[in-house]
């Protein structure tokens, strides 16, 4: 029975060991270039975040939290003259 394959790509490119692909020499893959590899090897690279499934949408990035106008500021305001207030006068 043929070994199951998965198509992966990497934003920085990969060097796939030849033994993984059944070749005598290592295979160099350019950035975002899809390559078929055995499922176990591909999932290992995906799990370690070296690669992603080829054609998959990039993971969504969370939006940074933004204070609403009514929220208190997260930093101390500067006192006149650009100095931080010390509390001692």
Protein backbone atom coordinates (compact mmCIF):
# COMPACT_ATOMS: atom_id res chain seq x y z
CA UNK A 1 0.00 0.00 0.00
CA UNK A 2 1.31 3.45 -0.89
CA UNK A 3 2.36 5.75 1.92
CA UNK A 4 -0.04 8.65 2.51
CA UNK A 5 1.32 12.08 1.64
CA UNK A 6 0.58 15.64 2.70
CA UNK A 7 1.47 18.85 0.84
CA UNK A 8 3.30 21.40 2.97
CA UNK A 9 5.12 24.69 2.44
CA UNK A 10 7.26 26.94 4.59
CA UNK A 11 7.63 30.72 4.61
CA UNK A 12 11.43 30.37 4.84
CA UNK A 13 11.95 27.30 2.67
CA UNK A 14 12.95 23.80 3.74
CA UNK A 15 15.63 21.19 3.27
CA UNK A 16 13.90 17.80 3.21
CA UNK A 17 16.21 14.85 3.93
CA UNK A 18 16.49 12.61 0.86
CA UNK A 19 15.68 9.53 2.96
CA UNK A 20 12.26 11.00 3.79
CA UNK A 21 11.41 11.34 0.09
CA UNK A 22 13.13 8.12 -1.01
CA UNK A 23 15.87 10.01 -2.88
CA UNK A 24 19.65 9.85 -2.60
CA UNK A 25 20.17 13.59 -2.04
CA UNK A 26 18.44 16.16 0.19
CA UNK A 27 15.78 18.26 -1.52
CA UNK A 28 15.83 22.04 -1.15
CA UNK A 29 12.43 23.71 -1.33
CA UNK A 30 12.04 27.47 -1.75
CA UNK A 31 9.85 29.70 0.40
CA UNK A 32 6.12 29.02 -0.05
CA UNK A 33 6.88 26.25 -2.57
CA UNK A 34 4.61 23.24 -1.90
CA UNK A 35 6.13 19.79 -1.56
CA UNK A 36 4.55 16.36 -0.88
CA UNK A 37 6.00 14.50 2.11
CA UNK A 38 4.86 11.53 4.21
CA UNK A 39 2.01 12.49 6.55
CA UNK A 40 3.92 11.77 9.80
CA UNK A 41 6.87 13.93 8.71
CA UNK A 42 4.63 16.73 7.43
CA UNK A 43 2.52 16.83 10.59
CA UNK A 44 5.73 16.92 12.64
CA UNK A 45 6.93 20.00 10.74
CA UNK A 46 3.49 21.62 11.04
CA UNK A 47 3.33 20.89 14.77
CA UNK A 48 6.78 22.43 15.28
CA UNK A 49 5.67 25.45 13.21
CA UNK A 50 8.35 24.98 10.55
CA UNK A 51 5.69 24.49 7.88
CA UNK A 52 1.98 24.73 7.17
CA UNK A 53 -0.37 22.83 4.90
CA UNK A 54 0.11 24.02 1.35
CA UNK A 55 -2.77 26.21 0.28
CA UNK A 56 -3.99 26.71 3.84
CA UNK A 57 -5.00 30.19 4.88
CA UNK A 58 -2.55 31.82 7.30
CA UNK A 59 -3.53 31.64 10.95
CA UNK A 60 -5.57 34.60 12.09
CA UNK A 61 -3.66 37.10 14.17
CA UNK A 62 -5.45 38.48 17.19
CA UNK A 63 -6.13 42.19 17.09
CA UNK A 64 -4.38 44.12 19.85
CA UNK A 65 -6.59 45.36 22.64
CA UNK A 66 -7.46 49.00 22.26
CA UNK A 67 -8.65 51.11 25.16
CA UNK A 68 -12.03 52.65 24.71
CA UNK A 69 -12.20 56.41 25.37
CA UNK A 70 -13.82 55.78 28.78
CA UNK A 71 -11.17 53.25 29.91
CA UNK A 72 -8.47 54.50 32.28
CA UNK A 73 -5.01 54.76 30.72
CA UNK A 74 -2.66 51.84 31.33
CA UNK A 75 0.38 54.08 31.93
CA UNK A 76 1.06 56.91 34.31
CA UNK A 77 0.54 60.34 32.81
CA UNK A 78 3.58 62.57 32.67
CA UNK A 79 3.69 65.54 35.03
CA UNK A 80 4.43 69.00 33.69
CA UNK A 81 7.99 69.13 32.39
CA UNK A 82 7.84 65.53 31.17
CA UNK A 83 8.70 64.03 34.58
CA UNK A 84 6.87 61.12 36.15
CA UNK A 85 4.97 62.09 39.29
CA UNK A 86 6.80 60.89 42.41
CA UNK A 87 4.07 61.54 44.95
CA UNK A 88 6.47 63.50 47.13
CA UNK A 89 6.36 67.30 46.94
